[in-house]
Amino acid sequence: PARRSVFTHIEDNISDGHYDREKVLIVIHPQYRNVWYWLIPFSNGRCSLGVVAEDSYFAELGLEENSDIIKASVEASPELSLLLHHACYDTEVRSIAGYSSDVTSLWGNGYALLGNAGEFLDPVFSSGVTIAMKSASLAAPLVSRQLKGGKVDWQSEYAVPLKRGVDTFRAFVDSWYQGSLQRIIFSENQSPVIREMLCSILAGYAWDEGNPFVQEPERRLRALAEICATV
């Protein structure tokens, strides 16, 4: 389903001593598990704030102005409403809908698409930089070889290996919005080994074939979520 993001920059005025300005804060809506917020701190006392949800969530709010939507969404989160109690909303609140995109081919006569130009999944795991760097590392030697007169199979040497990692990220994004990954993340009974495997992928190692969750991400995430639901 298409999703919409409502976002802005704020003067956060956060006084909570436990708040870590060195980390991005991701918050899940207390009632709707497929609605989430980001709070990205800057060094000058400001933050990037946004909420991501399907259109049905925004329709249920019944608000037309983006500024009212983001404030109402913050108020719905006990953690964010407390943290941003003194925040100053001094910047225009903007909205982007249906931001996920894909293309029919990652390469063609005289071109290869890198990073988000080829596919944009979702901002939840900040996979854009990883995909951009991986696509560049795959494409650069192929371009060099082709310019020197060598033969290049762009489909098997570029598109297929790149899509392997992108599809791994996609499985994690889908699992997040289905609630399965959240069930795994917040499970009280966690295996350090499995946790390391999952964190490794989210850190960018989505092409590591030695990781079982790269080999079969959808099936293994689904199975793990089912186990977490029973323990």
Protein backbone atom coordinates (compact mmCIF):
# COMPACT_ATOMS: atom_id res chain seq x y z
CA PRO A 1 0.00 0.00 0.00
CA ALA A 2 1.06 3.56 -0.70
CA ARG A 3 2.39 5.44 2.29
CA ARG A 4 2.65 9.10 3.10
CA SER A 5 5.25 10.99 5.08
CA VAL A 6 4.54 14.25 6.92
CA PHE A 7 7.70 15.95 8.15
CA THR A 8 9.40 19.17 9.24
CA HIS A 9 12.30 20.66 11.19
CA ILE A 10 11.70 21.94 14.71
CA GLU A 11 13.46 23.80 17.50
CA ASP A 12 13.15 20.83 19.83
CA ASN A 13 13.95 22.41 23.24
CA ILE A 14 14.46 18.92 24.66
CA SER A 15 15.47 19.05 28.32
CA ASP A 16 15.36 15.32 29.08
CA GLY A 17 18.85 14.38 30.23
CA HIS A 18 18.38 10.80 29.06
CA TYR A 19 17.81 11.82 25.45
CA ASP A 20 20.82 10.87 23.30
CA ARG A 21 21.44 13.47 20.61
CA GLU A 22 23.95 11.16 18.96
CA LYS A 23 21.25 8.71 17.86
CA VAL A 24 18.23 8.70 15.56
CA LEU A 25 15.06 7.90 17.49
CA ILE A 26 12.45 5.67 15.84
CA VAL A 27 9.09 5.48 17.61
CA ILE A 28 6.13 3.22 16.85
CA HIS A 29 2.58 4.52 17.26
CA PRO A 30 1.10 3.02 20.46
CA GLN A 31 -2.09 1.95 18.68
CA TYR A 32 -1.11 1.37 15.04
CA ARG A 33 2.01 -0.74 14.56
CA ASN A 34 2.40 0.27 10.90
CA VAL A 35 2.66 3.96 11.83
CA TRP A 36 6.09 5.17 12.88
CA TYR A 37 7.95 8.39 13.63
CA TRP A 38 11.52 9.56 13.21
CA LEU A 39 13.34 12.14 15.30
CA ILE A 40 16.78 13.01 13.93
CA PRO A 41 18.76 15.41 16.15
CA PHE A 42 21.05 18.08 14.73
CA SER A 43 23.95 19.73 16.53
CA ASN A 44 22.26 23.11 16.82
CA GLY A 45 19.32 22.17 19.04
CA ARG A 46 17.05 21.32 16.16
CA CYS A 47 15.56 18.06 14.94
CA SER A 48 14.06 16.55 11.84
CA LEU A 49 10.66 15.15 12.79
CA GLY A 50 8.39 13.00 10.66
CA VAL A 51 5.56 10.49 10.73
CA VAL A 52 4.98 7.74 8.14
CA ALA A 53 1.64 5.99 7.65
CA GLU A 54 -0.89 4.76 5.13
CA ASP A 55 -3.56 7.16 3.89
CA SER A 56 -6.18 5.50 6.10
CA TYR A 57 -4.39 6.76 9.22
CA PHE A 58 -4.35 10.37 8.03
CA ALA A 59 -7.98 10.12 6.91
CA GLU A 60 -8.97 8.91 10.36
CA LEU A 61 -7.32 11.95 11.93
CA GLY A 62 -9.68 14.15 9.92
CA LEU A 63 -7.17 17.01 9.71
CA GLU A 64 -6.31 18.93 6.56
CA GLU A 65 -3.28 21.00 7.54
CA ASN A 66 0.05 19.19 7.68
CA SER A 67 1.01 21.18 10.77
CA ASP A 68 -2.08 19.92 12.60
CA ILE A 69 -1.43 16.35 11.44
CA ILE A 70 2.12 16.19 12.76
CA LYS A 71 1.21 17.79 16.09
CA ALA A 72 -1.72 15.42 16.59
CA SER A 73 0.50 12.48 15.71
CA VAL A 74 3.13 13.56 18.23
CA GLU A 75 0.47 13.95 20.91
CA ALA A 76 -0.63 10.36 20.26
CA SER A 77 2.81 9.10 21.29
CA PRO A 78 3.43 9.32 25.06
CA GLU A 79 7.19 9.27 24.53
CA LEU A 80 7.31 11.94 21.84
CA SER A 81 4.71 14.19 23.41
CA LEU A 82 6.76 14.28 26.62
CA LEU A 83 10.06 14.70 24.81
CA LEU A 84 8.78 17.50 22.54
CA HIS A 85 6.55 19.23 25.08
CA HIS A 86 8.38 22.55 24.59
CA ALA A 87 9.17 22.17 20.90
CA CYS A 88 8.74 25.11 18.56
CA TYR A 89 7.25 24.24 15.17
CA ASP A 90 8.81 27.09 13.22
CA THR A 91 9.28 25.48 9.79
CA GLU A 92 6.77 24.59 7.09
CA VAL A 93 5.43 21.05 7.49
CA ARG A 94 5.62 19.18 4.21
CA SER A 95 4.20 15.93 2.90
CA ILE A 96 5.26 13.32 0.33
CA ALA A 97 2.99 10.47 -0.76
CA GLY A 98 3.74 7.28 -2.67
CA TYR A 99 7.49 7.77 -2.45
CA SER A 100 8.51 4.14 -3.08
CA SER A 101 9.64 3.63 -6.67
CA ASP A 102 11.05 0.98 -8.98
CA VAL A 103 12.18 0.68 -12.60
CA THR A 104 11.82 -2.03 -15.22
CA SER A 105 15.57 -2.24 -15.83
CA LEU A 106 18.64 -1.10 -13.91
CA TRP A 107 20.70 -0.76 -17.07
CA GLY A 108 20.39 -0.10 -20.79
CA ASN A 109 22.25 1.18 -23.81
CA GLY A 110 24.81 3.63 -22.42
CA TYR A 111 23.49 3.86 -18.87
CA ALA A 112 23.25 2.12 -15.50
CA LEU A 113 21.04 3.32 -12.66
CA LEU A 114 22.67 3.60 -9.24
CA GLY A 115 21.23 4.02 -5.75
CA ASN A 116 17.78 5.53 -5.39
CA ALA A 117 17.69 6.26 -9.14
CA GLY A 118 17.07 2.55 -9.61
CA GLU A 119 14.83 1.87 -6.65
CA PHE A 120 13.67 3.60 -3.48
CA LEU A 121 12.23 1.29 -0.85
CA ASP A 122 11.38 3.13 2.34
CA PRO A 123 13.19 5.45 4.77
CA VAL A 124 12.66 3.28 7.86
CA PHE A 125 16.06 1.54 7.75
CA SER A 126 18.01 4.26 5.92
CA SER A 127 19.13 1.77 3.29
CA GLY A 128 19.62 4.39 0.57
CA VAL A 129 23.31 5.12 1.23
CA THR A 130 24.13 1.41 1.44
CA ILE A 131 22.41 0.64 -1.87
CA ALA A 132 24.06 3.66 -3.50
CA MET A 133 27.54 2.59 -2.40
CA LYS A 134 26.98 -1.04 -3.35
CA SER A 135 25.65 -0.16 -6.79
CA ALA A 136 28.62 2.14 -7.38
CA SER A 137 31.11 -0.54 -6.32
CA LEU A 138 29.48 -3.00 -8.71
CA ALA A 139 29.12 -0.61 -11.64
CA ALA A 140 32.49 1.19 -11.56
CA PRO A 141 34.70 -1.76 -12.61
CA LEU A 142 32.15 -2.76 -15.26
CA VAL A 143 32.17 0.73 -16.76
CA SER A 144 35.96 0.71 -16.76
CA ARG A 145 36.07 -2.66 -18.49
CA GLN A 146 33.51 -1.63 -21.11
CA LEU A 147 35.31 1.63 -21.88
CA LYS A 148 38.46 -0.39 -22.49
CA GLY A 149 36.62 -2.50 -25.04
CA GLY A 150 35.85 -5.47 -22.83
CA LYS A 151 32.56 -7.35 -22.75
CA VAL A 152 30.13 -6.75 -19.88
CA ASP A 153 26.97 -8.65 -19.02
CA TRP A 154 25.17 -5.91 -17.12
CA GLN A 155 22.28 -8.16 -16.15
CA SER A 156 24.28 -10.94 -14.51
CA GLU A 157 27.20 -8.84 -13.29
CA TYR A 158 25.25 -5.81 -12.06
CA ALA A 159 21.47 -6.07 -11.90
CA VAL A 160 21.21 -9.57 -10.42
CA PRO A 161 23.75 -9.14 -7.59
CA LEU A 162 22.46 -5.66 -6.74
CA LYS A 163 18.85 -6.84 -6.57
CA ARG A 164 19.85 -9.63 -4.21
CA GLY A 165 20.67 -7.16 -1.44
CA VAL A 166 17.81 -4.82 -2.33
CA ASP A 167 15.37 -7.72 -2.03
CA THR A 168 16.83 -8.52 1.39
CA PHE A 169 16.14 -4.96 2.52
CA ARG A 170 12.67 -5.18 0.99
CA ALA A 171 11.89 -8.30 3.02
CA PHE A 172 12.87 -6.43 6.19
CA VAL A 173 10.77 -3.39 5.25
CA ASP A 174 7.73 -5.56 4.48
CA SER A 175 8.21 -7.47 7.74
CA TRP A 176 8.38 -4.17 9.63
CA TYR A 177 5.05 -2.91 8.30
CA GLN A 178 3.42 -6.30 8.81
CA GLY A 179 4.49 -6.14 12.46
CA SER A 180 6.59 -9.30 12.31
CA LEU A 181 9.95 -7.57 12.60
CA GLN A 182 8.69 -5.44 15.47
CA ARG A 183 7.64 -8.61 17.27
CA ILE A 184 11.17 -9.94 16.79
CA ILE A 185 12.90 -6.73 17.87
CA PHE A 186 10.86 -6.34 21.05
CA SER A 187 10.85 -10.01 22.03
CA GLU A 188 12.02 -10.55 25.61
CA ASN A 189 13.63 -13.87 24.67
CA GLN A 190 16.37 -13.01 22.20
CA SER A 191 19.25 -15.02 20.86
CA PRO A 192 22.47 -12.93 20.73
CA VAL A 193 23.54 -14.82 17.61
CA ILE A 194 20.31 -14.13 15.72
CA ARG A 195 20.26 -10.54 16.94
CA GLU A 196 23.76 -10.10 15.51
CA MET A 197 22.64 -11.53 12.15
CA LEU A 198 19.69 -9.13 11.94
CA CYS A 199 21.69 -6.09 13.05
CA SER A 200 24.37 -6.95 10.51
CA ILE A 201 21.85 -6.69 7.67
CA LEU A 202 20.38 -3.44 8.96
CA ALA A 203 23.93 -2.10 9.22
CA GLY A 204 24.34 -2.68 5.49
CA TYR A 205 25.59 -6.24 5.09
CA ALA A 206 22.58 -7.24 2.99
CA TRP A 207 24.79 -9.05 0.46
CA ASP A 208 26.48 -11.36 2.97
CA GLU A 209 25.50 -14.80 1.70
CA GLY A 210 26.95 -16.34 4.85
CA ASN A 211 24.05 -14.82 6.78
CA PRO A 212 20.98 -17.13 6.75
CA PHE A 213 18.69 -14.08 6.79
CA VAL A 214 20.27 -12.92 3.52
CA GLN A 215 19.85 -16.33 1.90
CA GLU A 216 16.11 -16.59 2.66
CA PRO A 217 14.99 -13.35 4.33
CA GLU A 218 11.22 -13.67 3.93
CA ARG A 219 10.93 -17.27 5.10
CA ARG A 220 13.34 -16.93 8.00
CA LEU A 221 11.85 -13.67 9.26
CA ARG A 222 8.37 -15.18 9.11
CA ALA A 223 9.49 -18.29 10.98
CA LEU A 224 11.35 -16.27 13.60
CA ALA A 225 8.34 -14.01 14.18
CA GLU A 226 6.15 -17.07 14.71
CA ILE A 227 8.61 -18.41 17.28
CA CYS A 228 8.72 -15.05 19.08
CA ALA A 229 4.93 -15.01 19.24
CA THR A 230 4.84 -18.31 21.13
CA VAL A 231 7.55 -17.75 23.75
